[in-house]
Amino acid sequence: MDTTDSWLFRKEINAGHLLTTVALTFGLISWASTMDSRVTRLETQQEATSIALTRAIDVIDARLNRIEDKLDRVIRHE
């Protein structure tokens, strides 16, 4: 069995391989662009959610402080 033919390289370009490579390249670029826009959108949503949670925590903290003040006044008057 002659194994020298298994590693033969030719200097010609097959049109099918060229078209497939171009299609895969454009597909990869399109996918990467879509992923970039999705990540950007998720980062924006995460930032908005973080701001909303911070505001909610501030409101809850203020309410708890008012409850503590009221409890302190009730305890002092008893």
N, C-alpha and C. Protein backbone atom coordinates (compact mmCIF):
# COMPACT_ATOMS: atom_id res chain seq x y z
N MET A 1 0.85 -1.17 0.00
CA MET A 1 0.00 0.00 0.00
C MET A 1 0.89 1.24 0.00
N ASP A 2 0.64 2.14 -0.91
CA ASP A 2 1.45 3.35 -1.05
C ASP A 2 0.81 4.48 -0.24
N THR A 3 1.52 5.00 0.78
CA THR A 3 0.97 6.05 1.66
C THR A 3 1.39 7.44 1.23
N THR A 4 2.17 7.59 0.21
CA THR A 4 2.63 8.92 -0.21
C THR A 4 1.51 9.75 -0.82
N ASP A 5 0.47 9.12 -1.37
CA ASP A 5 -0.63 9.86 -1.98
C ASP A 5 -1.58 10.46 -0.96
N SER A 6 -1.55 10.00 0.30
CA SER A 6 -2.52 10.49 1.29
C SER A 6 -2.21 11.92 1.73
N TRP A 7 -0.99 12.40 1.55
CA TRP A 7 -0.61 13.75 1.96
C TRP A 7 -0.27 14.63 0.76
N LEU A 8 -0.94 14.43 -0.31
CA LEU A 8 -0.68 15.19 -1.52
C LEU A 8 -1.41 16.53 -1.46
N PHE A 9 -0.69 17.62 -1.64
CA PHE A 9 -1.29 18.95 -1.66
C PHE A 9 -1.30 19.46 -3.09
N ARG A 10 -2.44 20.00 -3.49
CA ARG A 10 -2.56 20.53 -4.84
C ARG A 10 -2.62 22.05 -4.78
N LYS A 11 -2.21 22.71 -5.83
CA LYS A 11 -2.21 24.16 -5.88
C LYS A 11 -3.50 24.72 -6.48
N GLU A 12 -4.51 23.94 -6.58
CA GLU A 12 -5.76 24.40 -7.15
C GLU A 12 -6.78 24.67 -6.04
N ILE A 13 -7.74 25.55 -6.33
CA ILE A 13 -8.77 25.89 -5.36
C ILE A 13 -10.10 25.38 -5.90
N ASN A 14 -10.78 24.60 -5.10
CA ASN A 14 -12.07 24.07 -5.48
C ASN A 14 -13.13 25.14 -5.21
N ALA A 15 -13.97 25.43 -6.19
CA ALA A 15 -15.00 26.47 -6.05
C ALA A 15 -15.96 26.14 -4.91
N GLY A 16 -16.30 24.90 -4.73
CA GLY A 16 -17.20 24.49 -3.65
C GLY A 16 -16.60 24.79 -2.29
N HIS A 17 -15.33 24.48 -2.13
CA HIS A 17 -14.65 24.77 -0.86
C HIS A 17 -14.56 26.27 -0.62
N LEU A 18 -14.28 27.02 -1.67
CA LEU A 18 -14.18 28.47 -1.54
C LEU A 18 -15.52 29.07 -1.13
N LEU A 19 -16.60 28.66 -1.78
CA LEU A 19 -17.93 29.17 -1.44
C LEU A 19 -18.33 28.77 -0.03
N THR A 20 -18.02 27.56 0.35
CA THR A 20 -18.33 27.10 1.71
C THR A 20 -17.56 27.91 2.75
N THR A 21 -16.30 28.17 2.49
CA THR A 21 -15.48 28.96 3.42
C THR A 21 -16.02 30.38 3.54
N VAL A 22 -16.38 30.98 2.42
CA VAL A 22 -16.94 32.33 2.44
C VAL A 22 -18.26 32.35 3.19
N ALA A 23 -19.12 31.38 2.94
CA ALA A 23 -20.41 31.32 3.63
C ALA A 23 -20.23 31.13 5.13
N LEU A 24 -19.32 30.26 5.52
CA LEU A 24 -19.06 30.05 6.95
C LEU A 24 -18.49 31.31 7.59
N THR A 25 -17.63 32.01 6.87
CA THR A 25 -17.05 33.24 7.41
C THR A 25 -18.12 34.29 7.63
N PHE A 26 -18.98 34.50 6.65
CA PHE A 26 -20.06 35.46 6.82
C PHE A 26 -21.03 35.02 7.91
N GLY A 27 -21.30 33.73 8.00
CA GLY A 27 -22.17 33.23 9.06
C GLY A 27 -21.58 33.49 10.44
N LEU A 28 -20.29 33.27 10.58
CA LEU A 28 -19.62 33.51 11.85
C LEU A 28 -19.65 34.99 12.22
N ILE A 29 -19.40 35.86 11.24
CA ILE A 29 -19.45 37.30 11.50
C ILE A 29 -20.85 37.73 11.90
N SER A 30 -21.86 37.21 11.22
CA SER A 30 -23.25 37.53 11.54
C SER A 30 -23.59 37.06 12.95
N TRP A 31 -23.21 35.85 13.29
CA TRP A 31 -23.46 35.31 14.63
C TRP A 31 -22.77 36.16 15.70
N ALA A 32 -21.53 36.53 15.46
CA ALA A 32 -20.78 37.33 16.43
C ALA A 32 -21.43 38.70 16.61
N SER A 33 -21.91 39.29 15.53
CA SER A 33 -22.58 40.58 15.62
C SER A 33 -23.87 40.47 16.43
N THR A 34 -24.62 39.41 16.20
CA THR A 34 -25.86 39.18 16.94
C THR A 34 -25.56 38.99 18.42
N MET A 35 -24.54 38.21 18.72
CA MET A 35 -24.18 37.97 20.12
C MET A 35 -23.74 39.27 20.79
N ASP A 36 -23.02 40.11 20.07
CA ASP A 36 -22.57 41.38 20.64
C ASP A 36 -23.77 42.26 20.98
N SER A 37 -24.74 42.33 20.09
CA SER A 37 -25.92 43.15 20.36
C SER A 37 -26.73 42.57 21.52
N ARG A 38 -26.81 41.25 21.62
CA ARG A 38 -27.54 40.63 22.73
C ARG A 38 -26.85 40.91 24.06
N VAL A 39 -25.55 40.80 24.08
CA VAL A 39 -24.79 41.07 25.31
C VAL A 39 -24.95 42.53 25.72
N THR A 40 -24.89 43.44 24.76
CA THR A 40 -25.07 44.85 25.05
C THR A 40 -26.46 45.12 25.64
N ARG A 41 -27.48 44.50 25.04
CA ARG A 41 -28.85 44.65 25.54
C ARG A 41 -28.98 44.09 26.95
N LEU A 42 -28.39 42.93 27.21
CA LEU A 42 -28.44 42.35 28.55
C LEU A 42 -27.71 43.20 29.58
N GLU A 43 -26.59 43.79 29.19
CA GLU A 43 -25.87 44.67 30.10
C GLU A 43 -26.71 45.89 30.46
N THR A 44 -27.40 46.45 29.48
CA THR A 44 -28.26 47.60 29.72
C THR A 44 -29.40 47.23 30.65
N GLN A 45 -30.02 46.07 30.42
CA GLN A 45 -31.11 45.62 31.28
C GLN A 45 -30.61 45.36 32.70
N GLN A 46 -29.43 44.79 32.82
CA GLN A 46 -28.88 44.51 34.14
C GLN A 46 -28.61 45.81 34.90
N GLU A 47 -28.12 46.81 34.21
CA GLU A 47 -27.85 48.10 34.84
C GLU A 47 -29.16 48.74 35.32
N ALA A 48 -30.19 48.69 34.48
CA ALA A 48 -31.49 49.25 34.86
C ALA A 48 -32.07 48.49 36.06
N THR A 49 -31.94 47.18 36.05
CA THR A 49 -32.44 46.37 37.17
C THR A 49 -31.68 46.70 38.44
N SER A 50 -30.39 46.87 38.34
CA SER A 50 -29.58 47.21 39.50
C SER A 50 -29.99 48.55 40.09
N ILE A 51 -30.24 49.53 39.24
CA ILE A 51 -30.68 50.85 39.71
C ILE A 51 -32.05 50.74 40.39
N ALA A 52 -32.96 49.99 39.79
CA ALA A 52 -34.29 49.82 40.38
C ALA A 52 -34.21 49.12 41.73
N LEU A 53 -33.36 48.10 41.84
CA LEU A 53 -33.21 47.40 43.12
C LEU A 53 -32.61 48.30 44.18
N THR A 54 -31.65 49.12 43.80
CA THR A 54 -31.05 50.06 44.74
C THR A 54 -32.09 51.03 45.27
N ARG A 55 -32.94 51.54 44.38
CA ARG A 55 -34.01 52.45 44.80
C ARG A 55 -35.00 51.74 45.72
N ALA A 56 -35.36 50.50 45.40
CA ALA A 56 -36.29 49.75 46.24
C ALA A 56 -35.69 49.50 47.62
N ILE A 57 -34.43 49.19 47.68
CA ILE A 57 -33.77 48.97 48.97
C ILE A 57 -33.76 50.26 49.77
N ASP A 58 -33.53 51.39 49.12
CA ASP A 58 -33.55 52.68 49.81
C ASP A 58 -34.92 52.97 50.40
N VAL A 59 -35.98 52.68 49.63
CA VAL A 59 -37.35 52.89 50.11
C VAL A 59 -37.63 51.99 51.31
N ILE A 60 -37.25 50.73 51.21
CA ILE A 60 -37.47 49.80 52.31
C ILE A 60 -36.70 50.22 53.54
N ASP A 61 -35.47 50.68 53.33
CA ASP A 61 -34.65 51.14 54.45
C ASP A 61 -35.30 52.34 55.15
N ALA A 62 -35.83 53.27 54.36
CA ALA A 62 -36.49 54.45 54.94
C ALA A 62 -37.73 54.03 55.72
N ARG A 63 -38.50 53.10 55.19
CA ARG A 63 -39.70 52.62 55.89
C ARG A 63 -39.33 51.91 57.19
N LEU A 64 -38.28 51.12 57.15
CA LEU A 64 -37.85 50.43 58.38
C LEU A 64 -37.37 51.43 59.42
N ASN A 65 -36.71 52.48 58.99
CA ASN A 65 -36.28 53.51 59.93
C ASN A 65 -37.49 54.20 60.58
N ARG A 66 -38.53 54.48 59.80
CA ARG A 66 -39.74 55.09 60.37
C ARG A 66 -40.40 54.15 61.35
N ILE A 67 -40.44 52.86 61.04
CA ILE A 67 -41.03 51.87 61.95
C ILE A 67 -40.23 51.81 63.25
N GLU A 68 -38.92 51.83 63.14
CA GLU A 68 -38.07 51.82 64.34
C GLU A 68 -38.32 53.06 65.20
N ASP A 69 -38.43 54.22 64.54
CA ASP A 69 -38.70 55.45 65.29
C ASP A 69 -40.04 55.38 66.02
N LYS A 70 -41.06 54.87 65.34
CA LYS A 70 -42.37 54.74 65.97
C LYS A 70 -42.32 53.76 67.13
N LEU A 71 -41.62 52.65 66.97
CA LEU A 71 -41.49 51.69 68.07
C LEU A 71 -40.74 52.30 69.25
N ASP A 72 -39.71 53.07 68.96
CA ASP A 72 -38.97 53.73 70.03
C ASP A 72 -39.88 54.69 70.80
N ARG A 73 -40.73 55.45 70.11
CA ARG A 73 -41.64 56.38 70.78
C ARG A 73 -42.66 55.63 71.61
N VAL A 74 -43.17 54.50 71.07
CA VAL A 74 -44.15 53.71 71.84
C VAL A 74 -43.51 53.14 73.08
N ILE A 75 -42.29 52.65 72.97
CA ILE A 75 -41.61 52.07 74.12
C ILE A 75 -41.31 53.12 75.18
N ARG A 76 -40.95 54.32 74.78
CA ARG A 76 -40.66 55.40 75.74
C ARG A 76 -41.90 55.84 76.50
N HIS A 77 -43.05 55.81 75.88
CA HIS A 77 -44.29 56.29 76.52
C HIS A 77 -44.91 55.24 77.41
N GLU A 78 -44.45 54.04 77.39
CA GLU A 78 -45.04 53.00 78.23
C GLU A 78 -44.44 52.95 79.58
